[in-house]
Amino acid sequence: MSGEAGELFQQADWFSLLQAKGFEHAPQRLDWAIAPGTALPLMPAAAGGAGLVSLSNYYSGLYGPQGVALAPGWDATAAAQTLRRLPGRGILRLQPLDADAPWLAPLETALRAQGWWTDRFFAFGNWHQPVPDGGFATYWAARPSPLRHSVERGQRRLARAGRWRIDIAQAPGPELTRAAAAYQQVYAQSWKTPEVPAGFVPALIDWAAERGMLRLGVLWLDDTPLAAQLWLTQGGVARIFKLAYVQGQEKLSPGSVLTAAMMAHAMDVDRVAEVDYLSGDDAYKADWMAARRERIGLVAFDLRTLAGLIAAARHWVGAGLRRLRRQRGAASRG
């Protein structure tokens, strides 16, 4: 089984995992009921902030309502009215969001009608790859030749260096225990900073394995792990959640070789419809993915409260200054 239907990052047990393990100190949770059986999980803003924010952080690939799907014609006005009954001091911030999510625009309209000022902002670029007819072979033939040649060279160099293989652990058991230890070993020797909090990724691996979502790939050279990747496959989408390779092994291209193998598994074995690189506009992602979209955030201020008025003014001034800097930068480049 692959867990609940619907978007992975909007499932009840995802929010429970994130709240319990995804922060240094588990935040208080406040559910904003926007329709019967449907809520937006919120939490108080971090120390020094004000208002309420989405129960999300850098581990969240997407944010949205938990619960049953919103029926056409749902009462967004009633949802907006219930927000004032939460202890939010007139400020709300939600991210990362799908700008075209059908629940978002009606909720914005209802908030404005209730005296809130709302504004959207850029959260991050999201590279993704619809799987073409023909699966991996068709996809791979369309990749830039420098990428394909890099993977081929890496495979030849790995073969000259020793015996290499790729394992993809999916279910609880000895294979997963070994793969999880290899992931931690690779991550510690990579260029990446330590995870905070340290317990989240191990908990995520167990959580995903129990639900049939886990694809934990490890590239081994003899008995040494050189690269590891954590993918979450659910609902026809393979999400590239974490990746790392041992620093100093770039000539063997272990990360690229492993990514190609994981892509082939997702497309030809799991038969997903899409591969999602989640957050970030890293330049290399354009080589692997054919499409880009933007995830956004929504900020809202209750202009009937003093806190909301002050925060709205600060936001408006800050947004104006950012636009001015962009205009000056464009003029100087021109």
C-alpha atoms as a PDB file:
ATOM      1  CA  MET A   1       0.000   0.000   0.000  1.00  0.00           C
ATOM      2  CA  SER A   2       1.176   3.533  -0.699  1.00  0.00           C
ATOM      3  CA  GLY A   3      -0.557   5.359   2.129  1.00  0.00           C
ATOM      4  CA  GLU A   4      -3.431   7.774   1.738  1.00  0.00           C
ATOM      5  CA  ALA A   5      -4.653   9.042  -1.605  1.00  0.00           C
ATOM      6  CA  GLY A   6      -3.951  12.627  -2.544  1.00  0.00           C
ATOM      7  CA  GLU A   7      -0.882  14.813  -2.310  1.00  0.00           C
ATOM      8  CA  LEU A   8       1.718  13.273  -0.003  1.00  0.00           C
ATOM      9  CA  PHE A   9       2.542  16.550   1.759  1.00  0.00           C
ATOM     10  CA  GLN A  10      -1.133  17.118   2.638  1.00  0.00           C
ATOM     11  CA  GLN A  11      -1.737  13.789   4.338  1.00  0.00           C
ATOM     12  CA  ALA A  12      -2.674  13.599   8.011  1.00  0.00           C
ATOM     13  CA  ASP A  13       0.263  11.398   8.948  1.00  0.00           C
ATOM     14  CA  TRP A  14       2.716  13.654   7.074  1.00  0.00           C
ATOM     15  CA  PHE A  15       1.656  16.591   9.238  1.00  0.00           C
ATOM     16  CA  SER A  16       1.911  14.413  12.347  1.00  0.00           C
ATOM     17  CA  LEU A  17       5.435  13.303  11.395  1.00  0.00           C
ATOM     18  CA  LEU A  18       6.524  16.849  10.602  1.00  0.00           C
ATOM     19  CA  GLN A  19       5.156  18.247  13.847  1.00  0.00           C
ATOM     20  CA  ALA A  20       6.742  15.506  15.957  1.00  0.00           C
ATOM     21  CA  LYS A  21      10.134  15.175  14.254  1.00  0.00           C
ATOM     22  CA  GLY A  22      10.633  18.070  11.811  1.00  0.00           C
ATOM     23  CA  PHE A  23      11.432  20.846  14.289  1.00  0.00           C
ATOM     24  CA  GLU A  24      13.947  21.181  17.104  1.00  0.00           C
ATOM     25  CA  HIS A  25      10.977  21.716  19.405  1.00  0.00           C
ATOM     26  CA  ALA A  26       7.595  20.343  18.375  1.00  0.00           C
ATOM     27  CA  PRO A  27       5.316  23.328  17.671  1.00  0.00           C
ATOM     28  CA  GLN A  28       1.794  23.804  18.936  1.00  0.00           C
ATOM     29  CA  ARG A  29      -0.684  22.836  16.230  1.00  0.00           C
ATOM     30  CA  LEU A  30      -3.816  24.855  15.442  1.00  0.00           C
ATOM     31  CA  ASP A  31      -6.155  23.510  12.777  1.00  0.00           C
ATOM     32  CA  TRP A  32      -8.064  26.104  10.771  1.00  0.00           C
ATOM     33  CA  ALA A  33     -11.258  24.315   9.736  1.00  0.00           C
ATOM     34  CA  ILE A  34     -12.109  25.590   6.276  1.00  0.00           C
ATOM     35  CA  ALA A  35     -14.829  23.025   5.504  1.00  0.00           C
ATOM     36  CA  PRO A  36     -16.314  19.920   7.162  1.00  0.00           C
ATOM     37  CA  GLY A  37     -13.521  17.334   7.353  1.00  0.00           C
ATOM     38  CA  THR A  38     -10.931  19.708   5.881  1.00  0.00           C
ATOM     39  CA  ALA A  39      -8.437  21.915   7.719  1.00  0.00           C
ATOM     40  CA  LEU A  40      -5.287  23.917   7.151  1.00  0.00           C
ATOM     41  CA  PRO A  41      -2.785  22.877   9.851  1.00  0.00           C
ATOM     42  CA  LEU A  42      -1.192  25.991  11.366  1.00  0.00           C
ATOM     43  CA  MET A  43       1.292  26.828  14.102  1.00  0.00           C
ATOM     44  CA  PRO A  44       2.367  30.010  15.880  1.00  0.00           C
ATOM     45  CA  ALA A  45       5.087  31.996  14.124  1.00  0.00           C
ATOM     46  CA  ALA A  46       8.624  31.334  15.324  1.00  0.00           C
ATOM     47  CA  ALA A  47      10.076  33.329  18.189  1.00  0.00           C
ATOM     48  CA  GLY A  48      10.320  36.967  17.186  1.00  0.00           C
ATOM     49  CA  GLY A  49       7.491  36.611  14.671  1.00  0.00           C
ATOM     50  CA  ALA A  50       3.807  37.266  14.991  1.00  0.00           C
ATOM     51  CA  GLY A  51       0.631  35.563  13.889  1.00  0.00           C
ATOM     52  CA  LEU A  52       0.093  32.106  12.461  1.00  0.00           C
ATOM     53  CA  VAL A  53       2.030  30.237   9.800  1.00  0.00           C
ATOM     54  CA  SER A  54       1.477  27.009   7.914  1.00  0.00           C
ATOM     55  CA  LEU A  55       2.662  23.817   9.574  1.00  0.00           C
ATOM     56  CA  SER A  56       5.479  23.503   7.070  1.00  0.00           C
ATOM     57  CA  ASN A  57       9.207  24.071   6.709  1.00  0.00           C
ATOM     58  CA  TYR A  58      12.070  23.289   4.311  1.00  0.00           C
ATOM     59  CA  TYR A  59      11.080  19.610   4.372  1.00  0.00           C
ATOM     60  CA  SER A  60       7.650  20.447   2.914  1.00  0.00           C
ATOM     61  CA  GLY A  61       7.476  20.115  -0.850  1.00  0.00           C
ATOM     62  CA  LEU A  62       3.951  21.513  -0.961  1.00  0.00           C
ATOM     63  CA  TYR A  63       1.354  22.739   1.515  1.00  0.00           C
ATOM     64  CA  GLY A  64      -2.408  22.595   1.413  1.00  0.00           C
ATOM     65  CA  PRO A  65      -5.550  21.401   3.187  1.00  0.00           C
ATOM     66  CA  GLN A  66      -5.537  18.141   5.086  1.00  0.00           C
ATOM     67  CA  GLY A  67      -8.660  16.026   4.873  1.00  0.00           C
ATOM     68  CA  VAL A  68     -11.387  15.379   2.354  1.00  0.00           C
ATOM     69  CA  ALA A  69     -11.280  17.133  -1.003  1.00  0.00           C
ATOM     70  CA  LEU A  70     -13.108  20.457  -1.105  1.00  0.00           C
ATOM     71  CA  ALA A  71     -16.363  20.140  -3.034  1.00  0.00           C
ATOM     72  CA  PRO A  72     -17.208  22.686  -5.752  1.00  0.00           C
ATOM     73  CA  GLY A  73     -18.957  25.682  -4.252  1.00  0.00           C
ATOM     74  CA  TRP A  74     -17.488  25.213  -0.771  1.00  0.00           C
ATOM     75  CA  ASP A  75     -18.108  28.129   1.603  1.00  0.00           C
ATOM     76  CA  ALA A  76     -14.844  30.100   1.572  1.00  0.00           C
ATOM     77  CA  THR A  77     -16.545  33.001   3.360  1.00  0.00           C
ATOM     78  CA  ALA A  78     -17.357  30.849   6.363  1.00  0.00           C
ATOM     79  CA  ALA A  79     -13.767  29.594   6.356  1.00  0.00           C
ATOM     80  CA  ALA A  80     -12.444  33.164   6.390  1.00  0.00           C
ATOM     81  CA  GLN A  81     -14.722  34.067   9.278  1.00  0.00           C
ATOM     82  CA  THR A  82     -13.426  31.204  11.434  1.00  0.00           C
ATOM     83  CA  LEU A  83      -9.852  32.443  11.099  1.00  0.00           C
ATOM     84  CA  ARG A  84     -10.478  35.368  13.443  1.00  0.00           C
ATOM     85  CA  ARG A  85     -11.394  32.946  16.202  1.00  0.00           C
ATOM     86  CA  LEU A  86      -7.852  31.544  16.192  1.00  0.00           C
ATOM     87  CA  PRO A  87      -5.172  33.249  18.335  1.00  0.00           C
ATOM     88  CA  GLY A  88      -3.268  34.673  15.381  1.00  0.00           C
ATOM     89  CA  ARG A  89      -3.083  38.395  16.130  1.00  0.00           C
ATOM     90  CA  GLY A  90      -4.186  39.261  12.600  1.00  0.00           C
ATOM     91  CA  ILE A  91      -1.303  37.856  10.556  1.00  0.00           C
ATOM     92  CA  LEU A  92      -1.271  34.687   8.434  1.00  0.00           C
ATOM     93  CA  ARG A  93       1.475  33.188   6.255  1.00  0.00           C
ATOM     94  CA  LEU A  94       1.104  30.005   4.177  1.00  0.00           C
ATOM     95  CA  GLN A  95       3.790  28.316   2.047  1.00  0.00           C
ATOM     96  CA  PRO A  96       4.758  26.587  -0.209  1.00  0.00           C
ATOM     97  CA  LEU A  97       1.599  26.590  -2.317  1.00  0.00           C
ATOM     98  CA  ASP A  98       0.474  25.560  -5.767  1.00  0.00           C
ATOM     99  CA  ALA A  99      -0.561  28.889  -7.301  1.00  0.00           C
ATOM    100  CA  ASP A 100      -3.286  27.124  -9.295  1.00  0.00           C
ATOM    101  CA  ALA A 101      -4.707  25.057  -6.421  1.00  0.00           C
ATOM    102  CA  PRO A 102      -8.508  25.324  -6.700  1.00  0.00           C
ATOM    103  CA  TRP A 103      -8.955  26.168  -3.009  1.00  0.00           C
ATOM    104  CA  LEU A 104      -6.527  29.086  -2.958  1.00  0.00           C
ATOM    105  CA  ALA A 105      -8.152  31.856  -5.031  1.00  0.00           C
ATOM    106  CA  PRO A 106     -11.606  31.497  -3.392  1.00  0.00           C
ATOM    107  CA  LEU A 107     -10.000  31.664   0.032  1.00  0.00           C
ATOM    108  CA  GLU A 108      -8.036  34.793  -0.899  1.00  0.00           C
ATOM    109  CA  THR A 109     -11.207  36.458  -2.173  1.00  0.00           C
ATOM    110  CA  ALA A 110     -13.085  35.558   1.007  1.00  0.00           C
ATOM    111  CA  LEU A 111     -10.287  36.863   3.229  1.00  0.00           C
ATOM    112  CA  ARG A 112     -10.255  40.206   1.423  1.00  0.00           C
ATOM    113  CA  ALA A 113     -14.036  40.446   1.777  1.00  0.00           C
ATOM    114  CA  GLN A 114     -13.596  39.950   5.530  1.00  0.00           C
ATOM    115  CA  GLY A 115     -11.145  42.841   5.862  1.00  0.00           C
ATOM    116  CA  TRP A 116      -7.813  41.110   5.248  1.00  0.00           C
ATOM    117  CA  TRP A 117      -5.184  42.380   2.821  1.00  0.00           C
ATOM    118  CA  THR A 118      -3.488  39.520   0.973  1.00  0.00           C
ATOM    119  CA  ASP A 119      -0.388  39.267  -1.153  1.00  0.00           C
ATOM    120  CA  ARG A 120       1.362  36.432  -2.954  1.00  0.00           C
ATOM    121  CA  PHE A 121       5.126  35.995  -3.004  1.00  0.00           C
ATOM    122  CA  PHE A 122       7.646  33.705  -4.685  1.00  0.00           C
ATOM    123  CA  ALA A 123       8.656  30.681  -2.604  1.00  0.00           C
ATOM    124  CA  PHE A 124      10.883  28.595  -4.902  1.00  0.00           C
ATOM    125  CA  GLY A 125      11.256  27.134  -8.350  1.00  0.00           C
ATOM    126  CA  ASN A 126      10.080  23.563  -8.777  1.00  0.00           C
ATOM    127  CA  TRP A 127      11.628  21.489 -11.585  1.00  0.00           C
ATOM    128  CA  HIS A 128       9.685  18.425 -12.663  1.00  0.00           C
ATOM    129  CA  GLN A 129       9.565  15.862 -15.456  1.00  0.00           C
ATOM    130  CA  PRO A 130       6.387  14.432 -16.969  1.00  0.00           C
ATOM    131  CA  VAL A 131       7.188  10.857 -17.977  1.00  0.00           C
ATOM    132  CA  PRO A 132       6.933  10.513 -21.785  1.00  0.00           C
ATOM    133  CA  ASP A 133       5.523   7.620 -23.731  1.00  0.00           C
ATOM    134  CA  GLY A 134       8.312   5.092 -23.976  1.00  0.00           C
ATOM    135  CA  GLY A 135       9.425   5.619 -20.382  1.00  0.00           C
ATOM    136  CA  PHE A 136      13.063   6.005 -19.453  1.00  0.00           C
ATOM    137  CA  ALA A 137      14.500   5.259 -22.906  1.00  0.00           C
ATOM    138  CA  THR A 138      12.545   8.124 -24.474  1.00  0.00           C
ATOM    139  CA  TYR A 139      13.292  10.424 -21.548  1.00  0.00           C
ATOM    140  CA  TRP A 140      17.016   9.630 -21.582  1.00  0.00           C
ATOM    141  CA  ALA A 141      17.366  10.167 -25.326  1.00  0.00           C
ATOM    142  CA  ALA A 142      16.042  13.715 -24.833  1.00  0.00           C
ATOM    143  CA  ARG A 143      18.562  14.640 -22.123  1.00  0.00           C
ATOM    144  CA  PRO A 144      21.450  16.963 -23.038  1.00  0.00           C
ATOM    145  CA  SER A 145      24.358  15.030 -24.483  1.00  0.00           C
ATOM    146  CA  PRO A 146      26.864  16.331 -21.863  1.00  0.00           C
ATOM    147  CA  LEU A 147      24.691  14.762 -19.140  1.00  0.00           C
ATOM    148  CA  ARG A 148      24.351  11.428 -20.937  1.00  0.00           C
ATOM    149  CA  HIS A 149      28.080  11.306 -21.650  1.00  0.00           C
ATOM    150  CA  SER A 150      28.886  12.174 -18.027  1.00  0.00           C
ATOM    151  CA  VAL A 151      26.821   9.229 -16.799  1.00  0.00           C
ATOM    152  CA  GLU A 152      28.394   6.881 -19.354  1.00  0.00           C
ATOM    153  CA  ARG A 153      31.927   8.006 -18.395  1.00  0.00           C
ATOM    154  CA  GLY A 154      31.072   7.591 -14.726  1.00  0.00           C
ATOM    155  CA  GLN A 155      29.888   4.027 -15.318  1.00  0.00           C
ATOM    156  CA  ARG A 156      33.098   3.149 -17.187  1.00  0.00           C
ATOM    157  CA  ARG A 157      35.286   4.700 -14.492  1.00  0.00           C
ATOM    158  CA  LEU A 158      33.384   2.929 -11.746  1.00  0.00           C
ATOM    159  CA  ALA A 159      33.891  -0.380 -13.567  1.00  0.00           C
ATOM    160  CA  ARG A 160      37.642   0.273 -13.758  1.00  0.00           C
ATOM    161  CA  ALA A 161      37.764   1.237 -10.078  1.00  0.00           C
ATOM    162  CA  GLY A 162      36.192  -1.982  -8.801  1.00  0.00           C
ATOM    163  CA  ARG A 163      32.887  -3.797  -8.491  1.00  0.00           C
ATOM    164  CA  TRP A 164      29.992  -1.397  -8.279  1.00  0.00           C
ATOM    165  CA  ARG A 165      26.263  -1.816  -7.942  1.00  0.00           C
ATOM    166  CA  ILE A 166      23.120   0.075  -7.064  1.00  0.00           C
ATOM    167  CA  ASP A 167      20.652  -1.107  -4.438  1.00  0.00           C
ATOM    168  CA  ILE A 168      17.210   0.439  -3.936  1.00  0.00           C
ATOM    169  CA  ALA A 169      15.711  -0.356  -0.530  1.00  0.00           C
ATOM    170  CA  GLN A 170      11.958  -0.027  -0.187  1.00  0.00           C
ATOM    171  CA  ALA A 171      10.613  -2.059   2.723  1.00  0.00           C
ATOM    172  CA  PRO A 172      11.542  -2.521   6.397  1.00  0.00           C
ATOM    173  CA  GLY A 173      14.193  -5.178   6.939  1.00  0.00           C
ATOM    174  CA  PRO A 174      17.959  -5.802   6.894  1.00  0.00           C
ATOM    175  CA  GLU A 175      18.416  -4.281   3.428  1.00  0.00           C
ATOM    176  CA  LEU A 176      16.813  -1.038   4.589  1.00  0.00           C
ATOM    177  CA  THR A 177      18.884  -0.996   7.789  1.00  0.00           C
ATOM    178  CA  ARG A 178      22.059  -1.237   5.729  1.00  0.00           C
ATOM    179  CA  ALA A 179      20.887   1.348   3.188  1.00  0.00           C
ATOM    180  CA  ALA A 180      19.900   3.813   5.919  1.00  0.00           C
ATOM    181  CA  ALA A 181      23.317   3.468   7.555  1.00  0.00           C
ATOM    182  CA  ALA A 182      24.965   3.981   4.149  1.00  0.00           C
ATOM    183  CA  TYR A 183      22.865   7.105   3.578  1.00  0.00           C
ATOM    184  CA  GLN A 184      24.047   8.581   6.860  1.00  0.00           C
ATOM    185  CA  GLN A 185      27.669   7.669   6.038  1.00  0.00           C
ATOM    186  CA  VAL A 186      27.494   9.293   2.600  1.00  0.00           C
ATOM    187  CA  TYR A 187      25.744  12.391   3.916  1.00  0.00           C
ATOM    188  CA  ALA A 188      28.408  12.863   6.610  1.00  0.00           C
ATOM    189  CA  GLN A 189      31.127  12.763   3.920  1.00  0.00           C
ATOM    190  CA  SER A 190      29.317  15.039   1.499  1.00  0.00           C
ATOM    191  CA  TRP A 191      29.330  18.808   1.063  1.00  0.00           C
ATOM    192  CA  LYS A 192      26.035  19.154   2.896  1.00  0.00           C
ATOM    193  CA  THR A 193      25.548  20.623   6.337  1.00  0.00           C
ATOM    194  CA  PRO A 194      24.190  18.331   9.075  1.00  0.00           C
ATOM    195  CA  GLU A 195      20.426  17.871   9.169  1.00  0.00           C
ATOM    196  CA  VAL A 196      18.501  19.839  11.794  1.00  0.00           C
ATOM    197  CA  PRO A 197      16.867  18.216  13.608  1.00  0.00           C
ATOM    198  CA  ALA A 198      19.018  15.127  13.241  1.00  0.00           C
ATOM    199  CA  GLY A 199      16.199  12.686  13.887  1.00  0.00           C
ATOM    200  CA  PHE A 200      13.864  13.728  11.091  1.00  0.00           C
ATOM    201  CA  VAL A 201      15.356  11.861   8.114  1.00  0.00           C
ATOM    202  CA  PRO A 202      15.710   8.523   9.976  1.00  0.00           C
ATOM    203  CA  ALA A 203      12.092   8.879  11.110  1.00  0.00           C
ATOM    204  CA  LEU A 204      11.040   9.761   7.557  1.00  0.00           C
ATOM    205  CA  ILE A 205      12.798   6.686   6.151  1.00  0.00           C
ATOM    206  CA  ASP A 206      10.943   4.395   8.544  1.00  0.00           C
ATOM    207  CA  TRP A 207       7.638   6.235   7.957  1.00  0.00           C
ATOM    208  CA  ALA A 208       7.922   6.015   4.177  1.00  0.00           C
ATOM    209  CA  ALA A 209       9.039   2.368   4.204  1.00  0.00           C
ATOM    210  CA  GLU A 210       6.052   1.343   6.307  1.00  0.00           C
ATOM    211  CA  ARG A 211       3.730   3.008   3.765  1.00  0.00           C
ATOM    212  CA  GLY A 212       5.380   1.639   0.631  1.00  0.00           C
ATOM    213  CA  MET A 213       6.590   5.079  -0.472  1.00  0.00           C
ATOM    214  CA  LEU A 214      10.321   4.703   0.129  1.00  0.00           C
ATOM    215  CA  ARG A 215      12.948   4.378  -2.583  1.00  0.00           C
ATOM    216  CA  LEU A 216      16.336   4.639  -0.838  1.00  0.00           C
ATOM    217  CA  GLY A 217      19.053   4.194  -3.453  1.00  0.00           C
ATOM    218  CA  VAL A 218      22.717   3.573  -2.680  1.00  0.00           C
ATOM    219  CA  LEU A 219      25.608   3.308  -5.147  1.00  0.00           C
ATOM    220  CA  TRP A 220      28.299   0.984  -3.792  1.00  0.00           C
ATOM    221  CA  LEU A 221      31.905   0.636  -4.983  1.00  0.00           C
ATOM    222  CA  ASP A 222      32.989  -2.700  -3.560  1.00  0.00           C
ATOM    223  CA  ASP A 223      31.654  -2.327  -0.009  1.00  0.00           C
ATOM    224  CA  THR A 224      31.887   1.461   0.191  1.00  0.00           C
ATOM    225  CA  PRO A 225      28.836   3.657  -0.408  1.00  0.00           C
ATOM    226  CA  LEU A 226      29.642   6.603  -2.699  1.00  0.00           C
ATOM    227  CA  ALA A 227      26.191   8.122  -3.272  1.00  0.00           C
ATOM    228  CA  ALA A 228      22.756   7.876  -1.693  1.00  0.00           C
ATOM    229  CA  GLN A 229      19.350   9.274  -2.570  1.00  0.00           C
ATOM    230  CA  LEU A 230      16.018   9.313  -0.755  1.00  0.00           C
ATOM    231  CA  TRP A 231      12.980   9.358  -3.033  1.00  0.00           C
ATOM    232  CA  LEU A 232       9.310   9.258  -2.035  1.00  0.00           C
ATOM    233  CA  THR A 233       7.020   7.580  -4.561  1.00  0.00           C
ATOM    234  CA  GLN A 234       3.270   7.964  -4.086  1.00  0.00           C
ATOM    235  CA  GLY A 235       0.205   8.884  -6.102  1.00  0.00           C
ATOM    236  CA  GLY A 236       1.964   8.473  -9.450  1.00  0.00           C
ATOM    237  CA  VAL A 237       4.737  10.929  -8.526  1.00  0.00           C
ATOM    238  CA  ALA A 238       8.358  10.156  -7.620  1.00  0.00           C
ATOM    239  CA  ARG A 239       9.711  12.941  -5.411  1.00  0.00           C
ATOM    240  CA  ILE A 240      13.468  13.422  -5.131  1.00  0.00           C
ATOM    241  CA  PHE A 241      13.694  14.325  -1.456  1.00  0.00           C
ATOM    242  CA  LYS A 242      17.375  14.055  -0.503  1.00  0.00           C
ATOM    243  CA  LEU A 243      20.582  13.290  -2.368  1.00  0.00           C
ATOM    244  CA  ALA A 244      24.279  13.263  -1.532  1.00  0.00           C
ATOM    245  CA  TYR A 245      27.573  11.810  -2.701  1.00  0.00           C
ATOM    246  CA  VAL A 246      30.992  11.482  -1.089  1.00  0.00           C
ATOM    247  CA  GLN A 247      33.054  14.603  -1.632  1.00  0.00           C
ATOM    248  CA  GLY A 248      36.198  13.949  -3.657  1.00  0.00           C
ATOM    249  CA  GLN A 249      34.605  11.281  -5.862  1.00  0.00           C
ATOM    250  CA  GLU A 250      33.398  13.666  -8.572  1.00  0.00           C
ATOM    251  CA  LYS A 251      35.440  11.969 -11.337  1.00  0.00           C
ATOM    252  CA  LEU A 252      33.328   8.838 -10.912  1.00  0.00           C
ATOM    253  CA  SER A 253      30.067  10.844 -11.193  1.00  0.00           C
ATOM    254  CA  PRO A 254      28.398   8.635  -8.557  1.00  0.00           C
ATOM    255  CA  GLY A 255      25.537  11.068  -7.991  1.00  0.00           C
ATOM    256  CA  SER A 256      24.625  11.284 -11.673  1.00  0.00           C
ATOM    257  CA  VAL A 257      24.963   7.536 -12.208  1.00  0.00           C
ATOM    258  CA  LEU A 258      22.657   6.911  -9.264  1.00  0.00           C
ATOM    259  CA  THR A 259      20.143   9.537 -10.396  1.00  0.00           C
ATOM    260  CA  ALA A 260      19.904   7.910 -13.842  1.00  0.00           C
ATOM    261  CA  ALA A 261      19.263   4.509 -12.246  1.00  0.00           C
ATOM    262  CA  MET A 262      16.645   5.938  -9.894  1.00  0.00           C
ATOM    263  CA  MET A 263      14.934   7.664 -12.838  1.00  0.00           C
ATOM    264  CA  ALA A 264      14.812   4.388 -14.746  1.00  0.00           C
ATOM    265  CA  HIS A 265      13.322   2.605 -11.739  1.00  0.00           C
ATOM    266  CA  ALA A 266      10.691   5.296 -11.210  1.00  0.00           C
ATOM    267  CA  MET A 267       9.662   5.407 -14.860  1.00  0.00           C
ATOM    268  CA  ASP A 268       9.896   1.745 -15.882  1.00  0.00           C
ATOM    269  CA  VAL A 269       9.296  -0.171 -12.628  1.00  0.00           C
ATOM    270  CA  ASP A 270       7.087   2.130 -10.561  1.00  0.00           C
ATOM    271  CA  ARG A 271       5.605   3.586 -13.767  1.00  0.00           C
ATOM    272  CA  VAL A 272       5.025   7.019 -12.301  1.00  0.00           C
ATOM    273  CA  ALA A 273       3.545   9.845 -14.355  1.00  0.00           C
ATOM    274  CA  GLU A 274       5.937  12.494 -13.054  1.00  0.00           C
ATOM    275  CA  VAL A 275       9.280  12.922 -11.334  1.00  0.00           C
ATOM    276  CA  ASP A 276       9.470  15.971  -9.050  1.00  0.00           C
ATOM    277  CA  TYR A 277      12.713  17.630  -7.907  1.00  0.00           C
ATOM    278  CA  LEU A 278      10.778  19.553  -5.242  1.00  0.00           C
ATOM    279  CA  SER A 279      12.432  22.823  -4.175  1.00  0.00           C
ATOM    280  CA  GLY A 280      15.261  24.798  -5.695  1.00  0.00           C
ATOM    281  CA  ASP A 281      16.555  26.315  -8.902  1.00  0.00           C
ATOM    282  CA  ASP A 282      19.941  24.587  -8.880  1.00  0.00           C
ATOM    283  CA  ALA A 283      21.366  24.805 -12.406  1.00  0.00           C
ATOM    284  CA  TYR A 284      21.864  21.032 -12.781  1.00  0.00           C
ATOM    285  CA  LYS A 285      18.141  20.366 -12.400  1.00  0.00           C
ATOM    286  CA  ALA A 286      17.436  21.852 -15.823  1.00  0.00           C
ATOM    287  CA  ASP A 287      19.514  19.043 -17.361  1.00  0.00           C
ATOM    288  CA  TRP A 288      17.398  16.366 -15.687  1.00  0.00           C
ATOM    289  CA  MET A 289      13.965  17.973 -15.943  1.00  0.00           C
ATOM    290  CA  ALA A 290      11.985  19.373 -18.856  1.00  0.00           C
ATOM    291  CA  ALA A 291       9.586  21.684 -17.001  1.00  0.00           C
ATOM    292  CA  ARG A 292       9.632  24.302 -14.271  1.00  0.00           C
ATOM    293  CA  ARG A 293       6.852  25.839 -12.210  1.00  0.00           C
ATOM    294  CA  GLU A 294       6.871  28.148  -9.239  1.00  0.00           C
ATOM    295  CA  ARG A 295       5.655  27.505  -5.743  1.00  0.00           C
ATOM    296  CA  ILE A 296       4.351  30.585  -3.988  1.00  0.00           C
ATOM    297  CA  GLY A 297       3.428  31.840  -0.554  1.00  0.00           C
ATOM    298  CA  LEU A 298       0.400  33.754   0.665  1.00  0.00           C
ATOM    299  CA  VAL A 299       0.549  36.384   3.370  1.00  0.00           C
ATOM    300  CA  ALA A 300      -2.584  37.971   4.824  1.00  0.00           C
ATOM    301  CA  PHE A 301      -3.067  40.816   7.301  1.00  0.00           C
ATOM    302  CA  ASP A 302      -6.251  41.582   9.212  1.00  0.00           C
ATOM    303  CA  LEU A 303      -6.537  45.352   8.781  1.00  0.00           C
ATOM    304  CA  ARG A 304      -9.022  45.506  11.635  1.00  0.00           C
ATOM    305  CA  THR A 305      -6.230  44.752  14.120  1.00  0.00           C
ATOM    306  CA  LEU A 306      -3.302  46.947  15.101  1.00  0.00           C
ATOM    307  CA  ALA A 307      -0.827  44.107  14.621  1.00  0.00           C
ATOM    308  CA  GLY A 308      -2.233  43.417  11.159  1.00  0.00           C
ATOM    309  CA  LEU A 309      -2.042  47.096  10.153  1.00  0.00           C
ATOM    310  CA  ILE A 310       1.574  47.468  11.289  1.00  0.00           C
ATOM    311  CA  ALA A 311       2.681  44.233   9.636  1.00  0.00           C
ATOM    312  CA  ALA A 312       0.865  45.140   6.393  1.00  0.00           C
ATOM    313  CA  ALA A 313       2.621  48.508   6.272  1.00  0.00           C
ATOM    314  CA  ARG A 314       6.016  46.867   6.790  1.00  0.00           C
ATOM    315  CA  HIS A 315       5.274  44.288   4.126  1.00  0.00           C
ATOM    316  CA  TRP A 316       4.128  46.938   1.629  1.00  0.00           C
ATOM    317  CA  VAL A 317       7.255  49.052   2.193  1.00  0.00           C
ATOM    318  CA  GLY A 318       9.531  46.012   1.948  1.00  0.00           C
ATOM    319  CA  ALA A 319       7.879  44.830  -1.270  1.00  0.00           C
ATOM    320  CA  GLY A 320       8.239  48.310  -2.763  1.00  0.00           C
ATOM    321  CA  LEU A 321      11.937  48.447  -1.901  1.00  0.00           C
ATOM    322  CA  ARG A 322      12.508  45.012  -3.469  1.00  0.00           C
ATOM    323  CA  ARG A 323      10.778  46.094  -6.678  1.00  0.00           C
ATOM    324  CA  LEU A 324      12.890  49.249  -6.778  1.00  0.00           C
ATOM    325  CA  ARG A 325      16.115  47.261  -6.372  1.00  0.00           C
ATOM    326  CA  ARG A 326      15.072  44.894  -9.169  1.00  0.00           C
ATOM    327  CA  GLN A 327      14.308  47.828 -11.465  1.00  0.00           C
ATOM    328  CA  ARG A 328      17.661  49.455 -10.723  1.00  0.00           C
ATOM    329  CA  GLY A 329      19.434  46.159 -11.315  1.00  0.00           C
ATOM    330  CA  ALA A 330      17.705  45.704 -14.667  1.00  0.00           C
ATOM    331  CA  ALA A 331      18.564  49.272 -15.667  1.00  0.00           C
ATOM    332  CA  SER A 332      22.233  48.826 -14.785  1.00  0.00           C
ATOM    333  CA  ARG A 333      22.431  45.594 -16.782  1.00  0.00           C
ATOM    334  CA  GLY A 334      20.776  47.306 -19.741  1.00  0.00           C
END
